Protein backbone atom coordinates (compact mmCIF):
# COMPACT_ATOMS: atom_id res chain seq x y z
CA MET A 1 -0.30 -11.81 22.42
CA GLN A 2 0.19 -7.78 22.41
CA LEU A 3 3.11 -6.43 25.07
CA ILE A 4 4.11 -4.02 23.51
CA ASN A 5 1.72 -0.70 22.06
CA VAL A 6 2.79 1.19 19.13
CA THR A 7 1.75 4.27 18.31
CA ILE A 8 3.38 6.61 15.52
CA GLU A 9 2.93 10.17 15.31
CA ASN A 10 4.40 12.65 12.08
CA ASN A 11 7.59 8.94 12.14
CA ILE A 12 7.36 9.23 15.56
CA HIS A 13 7.47 5.85 17.20
CA ILE A 14 5.80 5.94 20.67
CA ILE A 15 6.73 1.97 21.77
CA SER A 16 4.30 1.53 24.90
CA LEU A 17 6.13 -1.72 27.32
CA ASN A 18 2.17 -3.16 28.01
CA ASN A 19 3.23 -6.42 30.26
CA GLY A 20 1.30 -6.79 33.16
CA LYS A 21 1.32 -4.26 36.54
CA VAL A 22 4.86 -4.45 36.69
CA ASN A 23 5.14 -4.33 32.68
CA ALA A 24 8.03 -7.32 32.78
CA ILE A 25 11.01 -7.81 31.01
CA SER A 26 10.42 -11.74 29.71
CA PRO A 27 11.70 -12.89 26.23
CA GLU A 28 8.84 -12.19 23.65
CA VAL A 29 9.03 -8.58 25.30
CA ILE A 30 12.60 -8.93 23.76
CA ALA A 31 11.63 -10.41 20.23
CA GLN A 32 8.95 -7.66 19.99
CA LEU A 33 11.05 -4.59 21.20
CA ASN A 34 13.15 -5.92 18.93
CA LEU A 35 10.79 -6.11 16.11
CA ALA A 36 8.86 -2.84 16.93
CA LEU A 37 12.68 -1.43 16.73
CA ASP A 38 12.96 -2.82 13.31
CA ASP A 39 10.53 -1.13 12.55
CA ALA A 40 11.68 2.51 13.21
CA GLU A 41 15.16 1.86 11.87
CA GLN A 42 13.52 0.84 8.27
CA GLN A 43 11.52 4.30 8.89
CA ALA A 44 14.36 5.76 10.12
CA ALA A 45 11.72 7.94 12.65
CA VAL A 46 12.83 9.03 16.40
CA VAL A 47 11.79 6.74 18.82
CA ILE A 48 9.94 7.02 22.44
CA LEU A 49 10.05 4.51 25.35
CA THR A 50 7.52 4.43 27.45
CA GLY A 51 5.32 2.23 29.84
CA GLN A 52 1.86 2.51 31.82
CA PRO A 53 1.37 5.30 34.31
CA GLY A 54 3.00 4.48 37.22
CA ILE A 55 5.86 2.68 35.63
CA LEU A 56 8.31 2.44 32.79
CA SER A 57 9.66 -1.22 34.34
CA GLY A 58 10.34 -2.90 37.25
CA GLY A 59 12.33 -5.38 35.60
CA TYR A 60 13.12 -8.88 33.78
CA ASP A 61 9.93 -11.73 34.08
CA LEU A 62 10.94 -13.46 37.44
CA ASN A 63 9.50 -16.53 35.66
CA THR A 64 11.65 -17.04 33.20
CA MET A 65 14.36 -16.19 35.88
CA LYS A 66 13.90 -18.91 37.93
CA GLN A 67 12.97 -20.85 35.32
CA SER A 68 16.57 -22.41 35.46
CA PRO A 69 19.92 -20.72 35.36
CA GLU A 70 19.58 -21.13 31.35
CA ALA A 71 16.45 -19.63 30.96
CA ALA A 72 17.81 -16.85 33.15
CA MET A 73 21.23 -16.08 31.23
CA ALA A 74 19.67 -16.21 27.87
CA LEU A 75 17.14 -13.04 29.17
CA VAL A 76 20.03 -11.50 30.10
CA THR A 77 22.10 -12.15 27.94
CA ALA A 78 19.22 -10.53 24.85
CA GLY A 79 18.99 -7.84 27.45
CA SER A 80 22.27 -6.39 26.86
CA ASN A 81 21.85 -6.78 23.19
CA LEU A 82 18.88 -4.67 23.09
CA SER A 83 21.08 -2.30 25.17
CA ARG A 84 24.09 -2.47 22.94
CA ARG A 85 21.73 -1.91 19.82
CA MET A 86 19.70 0.89 20.88
CA LEU A 87 23.24 2.08 22.49
CA ALA A 88 24.05 1.69 18.69
CA PHE A 89 20.90 3.13 17.48
CA ALA A 90 21.18 5.05 14.07
CA THR A 91 18.37 7.57 14.83
CA PRO A 92 17.45 9.15 18.60
CA ILE A 93 15.74 7.12 21.41
CA ILE A 94 14.44 8.96 24.26
CA GLY A 95 13.18 7.57 27.31
CA VAL A 96 10.06 8.86 28.71
CA CYS A 97 9.98 7.53 32.33
CA SER A 98 6.25 7.37 33.62
CA GLY A 99 7.21 6.12 36.68
CA HIS A 100 8.93 3.78 38.17
CA ALA A 101 12.37 2.31 36.55
CA ILE A 102 13.35 -0.97 38.67
CA ALA A 103 17.02 -3.00 37.83
CA LYS A 104 16.43 -4.18 33.93
CA GLY A 105 14.15 -1.21 34.06
CA ALA A 106 16.97 2.00 35.18
CA PHE A 107 19.34 -0.07 32.57
CA LEU A 108 16.83 0.62 29.38
CA LEU A 109 16.58 3.82 30.73
CA LEU A 110 20.83 4.29 31.18
CA SER A 111 20.40 2.88 27.16
CA CYS A 112 18.33 5.79 25.65
CA ASP A 113 20.17 8.62 24.23
CA TYR A 114 18.10 11.39 25.77
CA ARG A 115 15.58 10.78 28.69
CA ILE A 116 11.73 12.15 30.80
CA GLY A 117 10.85 11.30 34.25
CA CYS A 118 7.51 12.61 36.25
CA SER A 119 7.43 14.27 39.24
CA GLY A 120 5.65 11.27 41.79
CA ALA A 121 6.70 8.89 44.97
CA PHE A 122 8.73 6.60 42.15
CA LYS A 123 11.97 5.40 42.76
CA ILE A 124 14.62 5.01 39.38
CA GLY A 125 17.81 2.99 40.12
CA LEU A 126 19.35 -1.00 40.05
CA ASN A 127 18.88 -3.09 42.40
CA GLU A 128 20.48 -5.98 41.80
CA VAL A 129 22.16 -6.19 44.30
CA ALA A 130 19.69 -5.71 46.83
CA ILE A 131 17.60 -8.77 45.79
CA GLY A 132 21.11 -11.01 45.73
CA MET A 133 21.97 -10.60 42.33
CA THR A 134 26.05 -10.27 41.92
CA MET A 135 25.74 -7.60 38.85
CA HIS A 136 26.86 -8.88 34.89
CA GLN A 137 29.35 -7.10 33.50
CA ALA A 138 28.20 -6.63 30.91
CA GLY A 139 25.15 -3.89 33.67
CA ILE A 140 28.39 -2.50 35.57
CA GLU A 141 29.65 -1.42 31.39
CA ILE A 142 26.76 0.27 30.83
CA ALA A 143 26.32 1.99 34.08
CA ARG A 144 30.41 3.22 33.70
CA ASN A 145 29.47 4.78 30.69
CA ARG A 146 26.18 6.64 31.43
CA ILE A 147 26.74 7.26 35.59
CA PRO A 148 28.28 9.76 37.03
CA ILE A 149 31.94 8.34 38.89
CA ASN A 150 30.46 9.92 42.27
CA TYR A 151 27.15 7.78 41.20
CA LEU A 152 28.35 4.88 40.52
CA SER A 153 29.53 3.16 43.32
CA ARG A 154 25.38 4.12 45.08
CA ALA A 155 24.32 2.94 42.20
CA VAL A 156 25.66 -0.37 41.53
CA ILE A 157 27.57 -1.81 44.91
CA ASN A 158 24.98 0.26 47.28
CA ALA A 159 21.81 -0.66 44.97
CA GLU A 160 20.31 3.34 45.60
CA LEU A 161 17.02 3.54 43.94
CA PHE A 162 16.30 7.13 43.11
CA SER A 163 13.74 9.76 43.51
CA PRO A 164 12.95 11.48 39.91
CA GLU A 165 13.96 14.08 40.71
CA ALA A 166 17.42 13.33 42.93
CA ALA A 167 17.60 10.09 39.15
CA ILE A 168 19.05 13.60 37.54
CA ASN A 169 22.21 13.78 38.59
CA ALA A 170 22.47 10.04 39.27
CA GLY A 171 23.06 9.80 35.49
CA PHE A 172 18.78 7.87 35.06
CA LEU A 173 17.67 10.73 33.54
CA ASP A 174 17.73 14.22 31.95
CA GLN A 175 14.76 16.29 33.03
CA VAL A 176 11.63 15.58 35.43
CA VAL A 177 8.26 17.10 34.62
CA ALA A 178 5.24 17.29 35.51
CA PRO A 179 2.77 13.95 34.99
CA GLU A 180 0.22 15.76 32.43
CA LEU A 181 3.06 17.18 30.76
CA LEU A 182 5.35 13.93 30.76
CA MET A 183 4.02 12.75 26.36
CA GLN A 184 3.77 15.95 25.65
CA THR A 185 7.55 16.78 26.78
CA GLY A 186 8.85 13.99 24.91
CA LEU A 187 7.00 13.77 21.72
CA ALA A 188 8.48 17.60 21.72
CA VAL A 189 12.38 16.82 22.40
CA ALA A 190 11.03 13.79 19.57
CA SER A 191 10.49 16.99 16.98
CA GLN A 192 13.58 18.90 18.28
CA MET A 193 15.59 15.85 17.65
CA GLN A 194 14.01 15.16 14.26
CA GLN A 195 15.70 18.32 13.55
CA LEU A 196 19.15 16.12 13.59
CA ASN A 197 21.00 15.17 10.24
CA MET A 198 20.39 11.61 10.91
CA LYS A 199 23.75 10.43 8.85
CA ALA A 200 25.89 12.73 11.49
CA HIS A 201 23.77 11.73 14.70
CA HIS A 202 24.87 7.70 14.24
CA GLY A 203 28.62 8.50 12.77
CA THR A 204 28.40 10.92 15.81
CA LYS A 205 26.95 8.26 18.30
CA LEU A 206 29.25 5.13 16.87
CA LYS A 207 32.31 7.65 17.68
CA GLU A 208 31.36 8.90 20.93
CA ARG A 209 30.51 5.43 21.88
CA GLN A 210 32.83 3.39 20.28
CA HIS A 211 34.66 2.42 23.53
CA ILE A 212 32.01 1.33 25.71
CA LEU A 213 30.30 -0.94 22.42
CA THR A 214 33.46 -2.38 22.63
CA ALA A 215 33.47 -3.36 26.07
CA LEU A 216 29.86 -4.19 26.23
CA ASP A 217 30.34 -5.96 23.36
CA ALA A 218 33.69 -8.50 25.54
CA ALA A 219 31.13 -7.68 28.46
CA ILE A 220 28.17 -9.73 26.72
CA LYS A 221 29.87 -12.85 25.45
CA HIS A 222 31.99 -12.52 28.53
CA ASP A 223 28.99 -12.71 31.07
CA ALA A 224 27.77 -16.32 29.28
CA LEU A 225 30.59 -18.05 29.61
CA THR A 226 31.18 -16.89 33.42
CA THR A 227 27.85 -15.76 34.74
CA LYS A 228 26.05 -17.42 37.39
CA ILE A 229 22.63 -16.13 38.28
CA VAL A 230 20.99 -16.29 42.23
């Protein structure tokens, strides 16, 4: 079953999540995302990651999370590894947030190089604590790297959800546009990113993110050994 759609425009790879009404992140979605990223990497393509109108993603697939502690942990580990890959990706990844982005949906935004949201009655943030989940260490490390310190406790410990406009200051988005301008703006940013020297972009990204990538590697191992999903 095709859970993502990929379209290519001028070597910009547009990856759209397409897994039900909340675009749940399942093991199959992650596997298909990785295959799409493999192709983009081979083509040295700038990537746009987006969802359906009204939703980027509501987070991990609940059926998998409830299946067993082992299945839940395997999914969280796969999701952390996906974020780690995105943070170190060879070309720019632009998040085009088409609505709500909750839990892993918000972590996908935090893993992109540039994030564009659309105006509307949408919520963006990390609701793990609100639904009874202690935040995994990998998630905390990603949040520390991308969320300003004055918003970190609000977002991670208090599970505060933000409007698209407030999500700019909270570190989840870089700009907000009207819904009808969303993909147009994403393509314009992607076209601008194509002017970068990709070797220099990647080398600089790895240097700038050396601390978070090292911390994330350790956190992923720590979570796999110690975390219990409740």
